[in-house]
Amino acid sequence: MRRTLLRDRAYEAIRDAIVAGEIEPGAVVRDAELAERLGLSRAPVREAFARLVDEGLLETKPQSYTRVTPVVAADVRDAAAVVGAMHELVTRVAVPRLRDADVDAMRAANDRFAAAVRAGDVDAALGADDALHDVLVRMSGNRAAAATVTRYTPLIRRLERRRFGEGGSCRSAGLHERLIDACAEGDAEEAVRVTAEIWRGLEELADEDTD
């Protein structure tokens, strides 16, 4: 397997474990231990660590430790503001390009989202949420916006998962339905307004949280 693929595999596995809380905030991570766990050499794990430090999920003190960062409300709020702005941008561009099949895919994703929320299945809920919004990201064709969303969404997901585990959900199937209806009608301005409302809710969720 090419080195870049090994690095990406290590990055995705460690990122997902941090976001899911399998590696808890404050936990010290060691490249040798994770390399053994993932069946990889230490090099791609070290490269993954560097990327995760850059993205705010890990922090490091040279010659001392590398550990998972705490869930900091201000960081989540900042990430939500940036990701929300990117989603507004892609929504404005994507809506005129949507086909019936794209709207159908969004509706199917929202059905899965609502069912997962009812079942208390956080993984399925967040996966369906990603699938719904990814339709708009993909149809916009904006690679810079897509990369920004990919980079900062994990910071938000950690708080969402914690709140979901406390019995709540910071996403609304009803808001999604309004977004989908606007997309189906080709109303980009309304779709952008609903998108802003969705992400404003996440900023407010961060404001309610404590470090």
N, C-alpha and C. Protein backbone atom coordinates (compact mmCIF):
# COMPACT_ATOMS: atom_id res chain seq x y z
N MET A 1 0.85 -1.19 0.00
CA MET A 1 0.00 0.00 0.00
C MET A 1 0.89 1.25 0.00
N ARG A 2 0.52 2.23 -0.83
CA ARG A 2 1.33 3.44 -0.93
C ARG A 2 1.36 4.17 0.40
N ARG A 3 2.45 4.91 0.61
CA ARG A 3 2.64 5.62 1.88
C ARG A 3 1.50 6.60 2.14
N THR A 4 1.04 7.29 1.09
CA THR A 4 -0.04 8.26 1.29
C THR A 4 -1.31 7.58 1.76
N LEU A 5 -1.58 6.37 1.25
CA LEU A 5 -2.76 5.64 1.67
C LEU A 5 -2.64 5.17 3.12
N LEU A 6 -1.45 4.75 3.51
CA LEU A 6 -1.21 4.35 4.89
C LEU A 6 -1.38 5.53 5.83
N ARG A 7 -0.86 6.68 5.43
CA ARG A 7 -0.99 7.89 6.24
C ARG A 7 -2.46 8.27 6.39
N ASP A 8 -3.21 8.21 5.29
CA ASP A 8 -4.63 8.56 5.34
C ASP A 8 -5.40 7.56 6.20
N ARG A 9 -5.04 6.30 6.09
CA ARG A 9 -5.72 5.28 6.91
C ARG A 9 -5.48 5.55 8.39
N ALA A 10 -4.24 5.87 8.75
CA ALA A 10 -3.92 6.17 10.14
C ALA A 10 -4.67 7.41 10.60
N TYR A 11 -4.66 8.44 9.78
CA TYR A 11 -5.33 9.70 10.13
C TYR A 11 -6.82 9.47 10.37
N GLU A 12 -7.47 8.79 9.45
CA GLU A 12 -8.92 8.59 9.56
C GLU A 12 -9.28 7.75 10.78
N ALA A 13 -8.48 6.72 11.05
CA ALA A 13 -8.77 5.85 12.18
C ALA A 13 -8.61 6.58 13.51
N ILE A 14 -7.54 7.35 13.62
CA ILE A 14 -7.29 8.08 14.88
C ILE A 14 -8.29 9.22 15.04
N ARG A 15 -8.55 9.95 13.96
CA ARG A 15 -9.54 11.03 14.01
C ARG A 15 -10.90 10.49 14.44
N ASP A 16 -11.33 9.40 13.83
CA ASP A 16 -12.65 8.85 14.14
C ASP A 16 -12.72 8.38 15.60
N ALA A 17 -11.63 7.81 16.10
CA ALA A 17 -11.61 7.35 17.49
C ALA A 17 -11.69 8.53 18.46
N ILE A 18 -11.04 9.64 18.10
CA ILE A 18 -11.12 10.84 18.95
C ILE A 18 -12.52 11.42 18.92
N VAL A 19 -13.08 11.55 17.72
CA VAL A 19 -14.42 12.14 17.59
C VAL A 19 -15.46 11.28 18.31
N ALA A 20 -15.32 9.96 18.24
CA ALA A 20 -16.27 9.06 18.88
C ALA A 20 -16.08 8.98 20.38
N GLY A 21 -14.99 9.55 20.88
CA GLY A 21 -14.72 9.48 22.31
C GLY A 21 -14.05 8.20 22.74
N GLU A 22 -13.66 7.36 21.78
CA GLU A 22 -12.94 6.14 22.13
C GLU A 22 -11.57 6.46 22.70
N ILE A 23 -10.98 7.56 22.21
CA ILE A 23 -9.78 8.12 22.83
C ILE A 23 -10.24 9.44 23.44
N GLU A 24 -10.27 9.51 24.74
CA GLU A 24 -10.94 10.60 25.43
C GLU A 24 -10.08 11.88 25.47
N PRO A 25 -10.74 13.03 25.64
CA PRO A 25 -9.99 14.28 25.82
C PRO A 25 -8.99 14.16 26.96
N GLY A 26 -7.78 14.63 26.71
CA GLY A 26 -6.73 14.57 27.71
C GLY A 26 -5.91 13.30 27.66
N ALA A 27 -6.36 12.29 26.92
CA ALA A 27 -5.63 11.03 26.85
C ALA A 27 -4.32 11.23 26.08
N VAL A 28 -3.26 10.67 26.62
CA VAL A 28 -1.96 10.69 25.94
C VAL A 28 -1.96 9.60 24.87
N VAL A 29 -1.52 9.95 23.66
CA VAL A 29 -1.43 8.97 22.58
C VAL A 29 0.04 8.73 22.24
N ARG A 30 0.36 7.50 21.91
CA ARG A 30 1.75 7.12 21.60
C ARG A 30 1.78 6.45 20.25
N ASP A 31 2.71 6.89 19.42
CA ASP A 31 2.74 6.37 18.05
C ASP A 31 2.97 4.87 18.00
N ALA A 32 3.82 4.34 18.88
CA ALA A 32 4.11 2.91 18.85
C ALA A 32 2.86 2.09 19.19
N GLU A 33 2.11 2.55 20.19
CA GLU A 33 0.91 1.80 20.59
C GLU A 33 -0.15 1.83 19.51
N LEU A 34 -0.37 3.01 18.92
CA LEU A 34 -1.40 3.11 17.89
C LEU A 34 -0.96 2.40 16.61
N ALA A 35 0.32 2.44 16.30
CA ALA A 35 0.81 1.72 15.12
C ALA A 35 0.54 0.23 15.25
N GLU A 36 0.80 -0.32 16.46
CA GLU A 36 0.53 -1.74 16.69
C GLU A 36 -0.96 -2.03 16.59
N ARG A 37 -1.76 -1.17 17.17
CA ARG A 37 -3.22 -1.34 17.15
C ARG A 37 -3.78 -1.32 15.73
N LEU A 38 -3.20 -0.46 14.88
CA LEU A 38 -3.70 -0.30 13.51
C LEU A 38 -3.00 -1.24 12.53
N GLY A 39 -1.98 -1.94 12.98
CA GLY A 39 -1.24 -2.81 12.09
C GLY A 39 -0.40 -2.05 11.08
N LEU A 40 0.15 -0.91 11.52
CA LEU A 40 0.94 -0.05 10.65
C LEU A 40 2.31 0.19 11.26
N SER A 41 3.21 0.75 10.46
CA SER A 41 4.48 1.21 11.01
C SER A 41 4.26 2.54 11.72
N ARG A 42 5.27 3.02 12.43
CA ARG A 42 5.12 4.26 13.19
C ARG A 42 5.11 5.49 12.28
N ALA A 43 5.73 5.41 11.10
CA ALA A 43 5.84 6.61 10.25
C ALA A 43 4.48 7.19 9.85
N PRO A 44 3.55 6.40 9.30
CA PRO A 44 2.26 7.00 8.93
C PRO A 44 1.47 7.49 10.15
N VAL A 45 1.66 6.85 11.31
CA VAL A 45 0.98 7.32 12.52
C VAL A 45 1.54 8.67 12.95
N ARG A 46 2.86 8.84 12.88
CA ARG A 46 3.46 10.14 13.22
C ARG A 46 2.97 11.23 12.26
N GLU A 47 2.85 10.88 10.98
CA GLU A 47 2.33 11.85 10.01
C GLU A 47 0.88 12.21 10.32
N ALA A 48 0.10 11.21 10.73
CA ALA A 48 -1.29 11.46 11.11
C ALA A 48 -1.34 12.36 12.34
N PHE A 49 -0.46 12.13 13.31
CA PHE A 49 -0.40 12.99 14.50
C PHE A 49 -0.17 14.44 14.10
N ALA A 50 0.76 14.67 13.19
CA ALA A 50 1.06 16.04 12.78
C ALA A 50 -0.16 16.72 12.17
N ARG A 51 -0.90 15.99 11.37
CA ARG A 51 -2.11 16.55 10.75
C ARG A 51 -3.17 16.83 11.81
N LEU A 52 -3.32 15.94 12.76
CA LEU A 52 -4.33 16.11 13.80
C LEU A 52 -3.98 17.25 14.75
N VAL A 53 -2.70 17.47 14.97
CA VAL A 53 -2.27 18.65 15.75
C VAL A 53 -2.66 19.91 15.00
N ASP A 54 -2.40 19.93 13.70
CA ASP A 54 -2.73 21.10 12.88
C ASP A 54 -4.24 21.37 12.88
N GLU A 55 -5.04 20.31 12.97
CA GLU A 55 -6.49 20.46 12.91
C GLU A 55 -7.13 20.65 14.29
N GLY A 56 -6.32 20.62 15.34
CA GLY A 56 -6.83 20.95 16.66
C GLY A 56 -7.37 19.80 17.47
N LEU A 57 -7.20 18.57 17.01
CA LEU A 57 -7.68 17.41 17.77
C LEU A 57 -6.61 16.84 18.70
N LEU A 58 -5.35 17.12 18.39
CA LEU A 58 -4.24 16.73 19.26
C LEU A 58 -3.42 17.96 19.60
N GLU A 59 -2.73 17.89 20.72
CA GLU A 59 -1.76 18.91 21.09
C GLU A 59 -0.49 18.21 21.53
N THR A 60 0.63 18.86 21.31
CA THR A 60 1.89 18.19 21.61
C THR A 60 2.86 19.13 22.29
N LYS A 61 3.68 18.57 23.17
CA LYS A 61 4.80 19.27 23.77
C LYS A 61 6.03 18.47 23.42
N PRO A 62 6.95 19.03 22.62
CA PRO A 62 8.11 18.27 22.15
C PRO A 62 8.86 17.58 23.30
N GLN A 63 9.23 16.34 23.05
CA GLN A 63 9.97 15.53 24.00
C GLN A 63 9.19 15.25 25.29
N SER A 64 7.89 15.50 25.26
CA SER A 64 7.11 15.29 26.47
C SER A 64 5.87 14.44 26.21
N TYR A 65 4.89 14.96 25.44
CA TYR A 65 3.65 14.22 25.24
C TYR A 65 2.94 14.67 23.97
N THR A 66 2.06 13.82 23.49
CA THR A 66 1.04 14.17 22.51
C THR A 66 -0.27 13.68 23.10
N ARG A 67 -1.26 14.54 23.19
CA ARG A 67 -2.51 14.16 23.83
C ARG A 67 -3.70 14.77 23.11
N VAL A 68 -4.85 14.20 23.37
CA VAL A 68 -6.10 14.67 22.78
C VAL A 68 -6.50 15.99 23.44
N THR A 69 -6.88 16.95 22.64
CA THR A 69 -7.28 18.23 23.17
C THR A 69 -8.63 18.14 23.88
N PRO A 70 -8.89 19.01 24.84
CA PRO A 70 -10.22 19.05 25.46
C PRO A 70 -11.23 19.61 24.46
N VAL A 71 -12.51 19.38 24.74
CA VAL A 71 -13.58 19.98 23.94
C VAL A 71 -13.79 21.39 24.48
N VAL A 72 -13.31 22.37 23.73
CA VAL A 72 -13.35 23.77 24.17
C VAL A 72 -14.47 24.48 23.42
N ALA A 73 -15.40 25.06 24.18
CA ALA A 73 -16.58 25.67 23.57
C ALA A 73 -16.22 26.72 22.53
N ALA A 74 -15.22 27.56 22.84
CA ALA A 74 -14.84 28.63 21.91
C ALA A 74 -14.33 28.05 20.59
N ASP A 75 -13.57 26.96 20.67
CA ASP A 75 -13.06 26.32 19.45
C ASP A 75 -14.20 25.74 18.62
N VAL A 76 -15.17 25.13 19.30
CA VAL A 76 -16.32 24.57 18.59
C VAL A 76 -17.13 25.68 17.93
N ARG A 77 -17.33 26.76 18.66
CA ARG A 77 -18.09 27.89 18.11
C ARG A 77 -17.40 28.46 16.87
N ASP A 78 -16.09 28.63 16.96
CA ASP A 78 -15.34 29.16 15.81
C ASP A 78 -15.43 28.21 14.62
N ALA A 79 -15.29 26.91 14.89
CA ALA A 79 -15.36 25.93 13.81
C ALA A 79 -16.75 25.93 13.18
N ALA A 80 -17.79 26.02 14.02
CA ALA A 80 -19.16 26.02 13.49
C ALA A 80 -19.41 27.24 12.63
N ALA A 81 -18.84 28.39 13.01
CA ALA A 81 -19.02 29.60 12.21
C ALA A 81 -18.37 29.45 10.83
N VAL A 82 -17.18 28.86 10.81
CA VAL A 82 -16.47 28.68 9.54
C VAL A 82 -17.17 27.63 8.66
N VAL A 83 -17.49 26.48 9.27
CA VAL A 83 -18.15 25.42 8.50
C VAL A 83 -19.52 25.89 8.01
N GLY A 84 -20.23 26.63 8.87
CA GLY A 84 -21.53 27.15 8.45
C GLY A 84 -21.43 28.07 7.26
N ALA A 85 -20.42 28.95 7.28
CA ALA A 85 -20.22 29.87 6.15
C ALA A 85 -19.94 29.10 4.87
N MET A 86 -19.17 28.02 4.98
CA MET A 86 -18.88 27.20 3.79
C MET A 86 -20.14 26.51 3.28
N HIS A 87 -20.98 26.05 4.21
CA HIS A 87 -22.22 25.40 3.78
C HIS A 87 -23.18 26.40 3.13
N GLU A 88 -23.22 27.60 3.63
CA GLU A 88 -24.04 28.62 2.98
C GLU A 88 -23.54 28.88 1.56
N LEU A 89 -22.23 28.97 1.41
CA LEU A 89 -21.64 29.23 0.10
C LEU A 89 -21.99 28.11 -0.88
N VAL A 90 -21.77 26.84 -0.47
CA VAL A 90 -22.01 25.74 -1.41
C VAL A 90 -23.50 25.59 -1.70
N THR A 91 -24.34 25.90 -0.72
CA THR A 91 -25.78 25.79 -0.94
C THR A 91 -26.24 26.78 -2.01
N ARG A 92 -25.75 28.00 -1.93
CA ARG A 92 -26.14 29.02 -2.91
C ARG A 92 -25.76 28.59 -4.33
N VAL A 93 -24.59 27.96 -4.46
CA VAL A 93 -24.12 27.54 -5.78
C VAL A 93 -24.81 26.26 -6.24
N ALA A 94 -25.04 25.34 -5.29
CA ALA A 94 -25.52 24.01 -5.66
C ALA A 94 -26.99 23.96 -6.03
N VAL A 95 -27.83 24.75 -5.36
CA VAL A 95 -29.28 24.61 -5.55
C VAL A 95 -29.70 24.68 -7.02
N PRO A 96 -29.21 25.64 -7.80
CA PRO A 96 -29.64 25.66 -9.21
C PRO A 96 -29.16 24.46 -10.02
N ARG A 97 -28.20 23.72 -9.49
CA ARG A 97 -27.64 22.57 -10.22
C ARG A 97 -28.28 21.25 -9.83
N LEU A 98 -29.10 21.24 -8.79
CA LEU A 98 -29.63 19.99 -8.28
C LEU A 98 -30.60 19.32 -9.26
N ARG A 99 -30.50 18.01 -9.34
CA ARG A 99 -31.43 17.22 -10.12
C ARG A 99 -32.42 16.55 -9.17
N ASP A 100 -33.47 15.99 -9.74
CA ASP A 100 -34.45 15.30 -8.90
C ASP A 100 -33.79 14.21 -8.07
N ALA A 101 -32.84 13.51 -8.66
CA ALA A 101 -32.17 12.42 -7.95
C ALA A 101 -31.39 12.95 -6.74
N ASP A 102 -30.84 14.15 -6.86
CA ASP A 102 -30.10 14.73 -5.73
C ASP A 102 -31.05 15.07 -4.58
N VAL A 103 -32.19 15.65 -4.91
CA VAL A 103 -33.18 15.97 -3.88
C VAL A 103 -33.69 14.69 -3.23
N ASP A 104 -33.91 13.66 -4.03
CA ASP A 104 -34.36 12.37 -3.49
C ASP A 104 -33.31 11.81 -2.53
N ALA A 105 -32.05 11.96 -2.87
CA ALA A 105 -30.97 11.47 -2.00
C ALA A 105 -30.97 12.23 -0.67
N MET A 106 -31.24 13.53 -0.72
CA MET A 106 -31.31 14.32 0.51
C MET A 106 -32.49 13.87 1.37
N ARG A 107 -33.63 13.62 0.75
CA ARG A 107 -34.80 13.17 1.51
C ARG A 107 -34.54 11.81 2.15
N ALA A 108 -33.91 10.91 1.40
CA ALA A 108 -33.62 9.59 1.95
C ALA A 108 -32.66 9.70 3.14
N ALA A 109 -31.67 10.59 3.01
CA ALA A 109 -30.72 10.79 4.11
C ALA A 109 -31.43 11.35 5.33
N ASN A 110 -32.38 12.27 5.12
CA ASN A 110 -33.10 12.84 6.26
C ASN A 110 -34.01 11.81 6.92
N ASP A 111 -34.57 10.92 6.13
CA ASP A 111 -35.37 9.83 6.71
C ASP A 111 -34.49 8.95 7.61
N ARG A 112 -33.28 8.65 7.14
CA ARG A 112 -32.35 7.86 7.95
C ARG A 112 -31.94 8.62 9.20
N PHE A 113 -31.73 9.93 9.04
CA PHE A 113 -31.36 10.77 10.18
C PHE A 113 -32.44 10.73 11.26
N ALA A 114 -33.69 10.97 10.85
CA ALA A 114 -34.79 11.00 11.81
C ALA A 114 -34.95 9.65 12.51
N ALA A 115 -34.81 8.56 11.75
CA ALA A 115 -34.94 7.23 12.34
C ALA A 115 -33.81 6.97 13.33
N ALA A 116 -32.61 7.41 13.00
CA ALA A 116 -31.46 7.19 13.88
C ALA A 116 -31.60 7.99 15.17
N VAL A 117 -32.11 9.23 15.06
CA VAL A 117 -32.33 10.04 16.26
C VAL A 117 -33.34 9.35 17.18
N ARG A 118 -34.42 8.85 16.58
CA ARG A 118 -35.43 8.16 17.39
C ARG A 118 -34.85 6.93 18.08
N ALA A 119 -33.94 6.25 17.38
CA ALA A 119 -33.34 5.03 17.92
C ALA A 119 -32.17 5.31 18.85
N GLY A 120 -31.74 6.56 18.93
CA GLY A 120 -30.59 6.90 19.75
C GLY A 120 -29.27 6.42 19.18
N ASP A 121 -29.21 6.26 17.86
CA ASP A 121 -28.00 5.77 17.17
C ASP A 121 -27.19 6.96 16.66
N VAL A 122 -26.22 7.39 17.45
CA VAL A 122 -25.47 8.61 17.11
C VAL A 122 -24.66 8.43 15.84
N ASP A 123 -24.05 7.26 15.65
CA ASP A 123 -23.24 7.05 14.44
C ASP A 123 -24.08 7.15 13.18
N ALA A 124 -25.24 6.50 13.20
CA ALA A 124 -26.12 6.54 12.03
C ALA A 124 -26.68 7.94 11.80
N ALA A 125 -26.99 8.65 12.88
CA ALA A 125 -27.55 10.00 12.75
C ALA A 125 -26.54 10.94 12.11
N LEU A 126 -25.32 10.93 12.61
CA LEU A 126 -24.31 11.84 12.07
C LEU A 126 -23.88 11.42 10.66
N GLY A 127 -23.89 10.12 10.39
CA GLY A 127 -23.58 9.67 9.04
C GLY A 127 -24.63 10.12 8.05
N ALA A 128 -25.90 10.05 8.44
CA ALA A 128 -26.98 10.50 7.57
C ALA A 128 -26.94 12.01 7.39
N ASP A 129 -26.60 12.72 8.46
CA ASP A 129 -26.47 14.17 8.36
C ASP A 129 -25.38 14.55 7.36
N ASP A 130 -24.25 13.86 7.45
CA ASP A 130 -23.16 14.09 6.49
C ASP A 130 -23.63 13.83 5.06
N ALA A 131 -24.34 12.73 4.87
CA ALA A 131 -24.79 12.36 3.52
C ALA A 131 -25.72 13.42 2.94
N LEU A 132 -26.59 13.97 3.78
CA LEU A 132 -27.52 14.99 3.31
C LEU A 132 -26.77 16.25 2.85
N HIS A 133 -25.92 16.76 3.70
CA HIS A 133 -25.23 18.00 3.36
C HIS A 133 -24.16 17.81 2.29
N ASP A 134 -23.62 16.59 2.23
CA ASP A 134 -22.59 16.32 1.22
C ASP A 134 -23.14 16.42 -0.20
N VAL A 135 -24.44 16.20 -0.37
CA VAL A 135 -25.04 16.37 -1.71
C VAL A 135 -24.79 17.80 -2.20
N LEU A 136 -25.02 18.76 -1.33
CA LEU A 136 -24.84 20.17 -1.72
C LEU A 136 -23.37 20.51 -1.91
N VAL A 137 -22.53 19.98 -1.02
CA VAL A 137 -21.09 20.23 -1.15
C VAL A 137 -20.59 19.69 -2.48
N ARG A 138 -20.99 18.46 -2.81
CA ARG A 138 -20.54 17.83 -4.04
C ARG A 138 -21.05 18.57 -5.27
N MET A 139 -22.33 18.95 -5.26
CA MET A 139 -22.90 19.60 -6.44
C MET A 139 -22.39 21.03 -6.63
N SER A 140 -21.85 21.63 -5.59
CA SER A 140 -21.28 22.98 -5.75
C SER A 140 -19.99 22.93 -6.55
N GLY A 141 -19.26 21.83 -6.44
CA GLY A 141 -17.99 21.70 -7.14
C GLY A 141 -16.87 22.53 -6.53
N ASN A 142 -17.09 23.06 -5.33
CA ASN A 142 -16.10 23.94 -4.70
C ASN A 142 -15.18 23.10 -3.82
N ARG A 143 -14.00 22.80 -4.33
CA ARG A 143 -13.08 21.92 -3.61
C ARG A 143 -12.51 22.59 -2.36
N ALA A 144 -12.30 23.90 -2.42
CA ALA A 144 -11.77 24.60 -1.25
C ALA A 144 -12.78 24.57 -0.10
N ALA A 145 -14.04 24.79 -0.42
CA ALA A 145 -15.08 24.72 0.62
C ALA A 145 -15.18 23.31 1.18
N ALA A 146 -15.12 22.32 0.30
CA ALA A 146 -15.20 20.92 0.75
C ALA A 146 -14.06 20.59 1.69
N ALA A 147 -12.85 21.05 1.37
CA ALA A 147 -11.70 20.77 2.21
C ALA A 147 -11.83 21.45 3.57
N THR A 148 -12.37 22.65 3.58
CA THR A 148 -12.56 23.38 4.84
C THR A 148 -13.59 22.67 5.72
N VAL A 149 -14.67 22.22 5.12
CA VAL A 149 -15.70 21.48 5.86
C VAL A 149 -15.09 20.21 6.46
N THR A 150 -14.32 19.49 5.66
CA THR A 150 -13.71 18.24 6.12
C THR A 150 -12.76 18.50 7.28
N ARG A 151 -12.02 19.60 7.20
CA ARG A 151 -11.03 19.89 8.23
C ARG A 151 -11.65 20.25 9.58
N TYR A 152 -12.70 21.06 9.57
CA TYR A 152 -13.20 21.61 10.83
C TYR A 152 -14.42 20.90 11.41
N THR A 153 -15.09 20.07 10.61
CA THR A 153 -16.26 19.39 11.13
C THR A 153 -15.96 18.47 12.31
N PRO A 154 -14.82 17.74 12.34
CA PRO A 154 -14.57 16.87 13.50
C PRO A 154 -14.56 17.60 14.84
N LEU A 155 -14.12 18.85 14.88
CA LEU A 155 -14.16 19.60 16.14
C LEU A 155 -15.59 19.77 16.63
N ILE A 156 -16.51 19.96 15.70
CA ILE A 156 -17.92 20.13 16.04
C ILE A 156 -18.54 18.80 16.45
N ARG A 157 -18.17 17.75 15.75
CA ARG A 157 -18.77 16.44 15.98
C ARG A 157 -18.54 15.95 17.41
N ARG A 158 -17.40 16.29 17.99
CA ARG A 158 -17.14 15.82 19.36
C ARG A 158 -18.20 16.35 20.33
N LEU A 159 -18.55 17.63 20.17
CA LEU A 159 -19.57 18.21 21.04
C LEU A 159 -20.95 17.64 20.71
N GLU A 160 -21.24 17.49 19.42
CA GLU A 160 -22.52 16.91 19.02
C GLU A 160 -22.71 15.52 19.61
N ARG A 161 -21.66 14.71 19.55
CA ARG A 161 -21.75 13.35 20.07
C ARG A 161 -21.99 13.36 21.58
N ARG A 162 -21.30 14.25 22.27
CA ARG A 162 -21.49 14.31 23.71
C ARG A 162 -22.92 14.72 24.05
N ARG A 163 -23.43 15.71 23.34
CA ARG A 163 -24.79 16.16 23.60
C ARG A 163 -25.82 15.10 23.23
N PHE A 164 -25.55 14.38 22.14
CA PHE A 164 -26.44 13.30 21.74
C PHE A 164 -26.49 12.25 22.84
N GLY A 165 -25.33 11.94 23.41
CA GLY A 165 -25.27 10.96 24.47
C GLY A 165 -25.99 11.38 25.73
N GLU A 166 -26.19 12.70 25.89
CA GLU A 166 -26.92 13.22 27.05
C GLU A 166 -28.43 13.22 26.81
N GLY A 167 -28.83 12.69 25.63
CA GLY A 167 -30.26 12.56 25.37
C GLY A 167 -30.83 13.60 24.44
N GLY A 168 -29.98 14.43 23.86
CA GLY A 168 -30.47 15.45 22.96
C GLY A 168 -29.90 15.30 21.56
N SER A 169 -30.32 16.16 20.68
CA SER A 169 -29.77 16.21 19.32
C SER A 169 -29.74 17.66 18.89
N CYS A 170 -28.58 18.10 18.41
CA CYS A 170 -28.45 19.50 18.03
C CYS A 170 -28.80 19.71 16.56
N ARG A 171 -29.22 18.67 15.90
CA ARG A 171 -29.70 18.81 14.53
C ARG A 171 -31.18 18.50 14.48
N SER A 172 -31.89 19.09 13.56
CA SER A 172 -33.34 18.92 13.49
C SER A 172 -33.74 18.36 12.14
N ALA A 173 -34.48 17.25 12.17
CA ALA A 173 -35.02 16.70 10.93
C ALA A 173 -35.99 17.69 10.30
N GLY A 174 -36.68 18.49 11.13
CA GLY A 174 -37.60 19.49 10.61
C GLY A 174 -36.87 20.58 9.84
N LEU A 175 -35.76 21.03 10.35
CA LEU A 175 -34.95 22.02 9.63
C LEU A 175 -34.43 21.43 8.33
N HIS A 176 -33.99 20.19 8.40
CA HIS A 176 -33.54 19.52 7.17
C HIS A 176 -34.67 19.49 6.13
N GLU A 177 -35.89 19.20 6.60
CA GLU A 177 -37.02 19.12 5.67
C GLU A 177 -37.25 20.46 4.99
N ARG A 178 -37.16 21.53 5.76
CA ARG A 178 -37.30 22.87 5.17
C ARG A 178 -36.21 23.14 4.14
N LEU A 179 -34.99 22.72 4.45
CA LEU A 179 -33.88 22.89 3.51
C LEU A 179 -34.15 22.11 2.22
N ILE A 180 -34.60 20.89 2.36
CA ILE A 180 -34.85 20.04 1.19
C ILE A 180 -35.98 20.62 0.34
N ASP A 181 -37.03 21.10 0.99
CA ASP A 181 -38.14 21.70 0.24
C ASP A 181 -37.68 22.91 -0.57
N ALA A 182 -36.84 23.74 0.04
CA ALA A 182 -36.31 24.90 -0.68
C ALA A 182 -35.46 24.46 -1.86
N CYS A 183 -34.68 23.41 -1.65
CA CYS A 183 -33.86 22.89 -2.76
C CYS A 183 -34.74 22.35 -3.88
N ALA A 184 -35.80 21.64 -3.51
CA ALA A 184 -36.70 21.07 -4.51
C ALA A 184 -37.38 22.17 -5.33
N GLU A 185 -37.64 23.30 -4.70
CA GLU A 185 -38.29 24.43 -5.38
C GLU A 185 -37.30 25.32 -6.11
N GLY A 186 -36.02 25.02 -5.98
CA GLY A 186 -34.99 25.84 -6.62
C GLY A 186 -34.82 27.20 -5.97
N ASP A 187 -35.24 27.31 -4.71
CA ASP A 187 -35.17 28.59 -4.00
C ASP A 187 -33.85 28.65 -3.22
N ALA A 188 -32.81 29.15 -3.87
CA ALA A 188 -31.49 29.18 -3.26
C ALA A 188 -31.44 30.09 -2.04
N GLU A 189 -32.13 31.22 -2.10
CA GLU A 189 -32.09 32.16 -0.97
C GLU A 189 -32.70 31.54 0.28
N GLU A 190 -33.82 30.86 0.14
CA GLU A 190 -34.44 30.21 1.29
C GLU A 190 -33.55 29.07 1.79
N ALA A 191 -32.97 28.33 0.88
CA ALA A 191 -32.08 27.24 1.28
C ALA A 191 -30.89 27.77 2.07
N VAL A 192 -30.36 28.91 1.66
CA VAL A 192 -29.24 29.51 2.39
C VAL A 192 -29.70 29.98 3.77
N ARG A 193 -30.91 30.55 3.86
CA ARG A 193 -31.42 31.00 5.16
C ARG A 193 -31.57 29.84 6.13
N VAL A 194 -32.11 28.72 5.64
CA VAL A 194 -32.28 27.56 6.51
C VAL A 194 -30.92 26.99 6.90
N THR A 195 -29.99 26.95 5.97
CA THR A 195 -28.64 26.48 6.27
C THR A 195 -28.02 27.33 7.37
N ALA A 196 -28.17 28.64 7.27
CA ALA A 196 -27.65 29.54 8.30
C ALA A 196 -28.29 29.24 9.65
N GLU A 197 -29.57 28.93 9.66
CA GLU A 197 -30.27 28.62 10.91
C GLU A 197 -29.73 27.33 11.53
N ILE A 198 -29.47 26.35 10.69
CA ILE A 198 -28.93 25.08 11.18
C ILE A 198 -27.60 25.30 11.88
N TRP A 199 -26.72 26.05 11.23
CA TRP A 199 -25.38 26.22 11.79
C TRP A 199 -25.34 27.24 12.91
N ARG A 200 -26.27 28.17 12.92
CA ARG A 200 -26.37 29.09 14.06
C ARG A 200 -26.74 28.30 15.31
N GLY A 201 -27.57 27.28 15.14
CA GLY A 201 -27.92 26.44 16.27
C GLY A 201 -26.71 25.74 16.86
N LEU A 202 -25.77 25.35 16.02
CA LEU A 202 -24.56 24.70 16.52
C LEU A 202 -23.66 25.69 17.25
N GLU A 203 -23.59 26.92 16.75
CA GLU A 203 -22.83 27.94 17.48
C GLU A 203 -23.45 28.18 18.85
N GLU A 204 -24.76 28.22 18.91
CA GLU A 204 -25.45 28.44 20.20
C GLU A 204 -25.24 27.26 21.13
N LEU A 205 -25.19 26.06 20.57
CA LEU A 205 -24.92 24.87 21.38
C LEU A 205 -23.55 24.99 22.05
N ALA A 206 -22.57 25.48 21.30
CA ALA A 206 -21.24 25.67 21.86
C ALA A 206 -21.25 26.72 22.95
N ASP A 207 -22.03 27.77 22.77
CA ASP A 207 -22.12 28.82 23.78
C ASP A 207 -22.70 28.29 25.09
N GLU A 208 -23.59 27.29 24.99
CA GLU A 208 -24.22 26.72 26.17
C GLU A 208 -23.29 25.76 26.90
N ASP A 209 -22.25 25.29 26.20
CA ASP A 209 -21.38 24.27 26.76
C ASP A 209 -20.28 24.91 27.59
N THR A 210 -19.73 24.14 28.48
CA THR A 210 -18.59 24.58 29.27
C THR A 210 -17.40 23.74 28.94
N ASP A 211 -16.21 24.30 29.07
CA ASP A 211 -14.97 23.57 28.76
C ASP A 211 -14.78 22.41 29.75
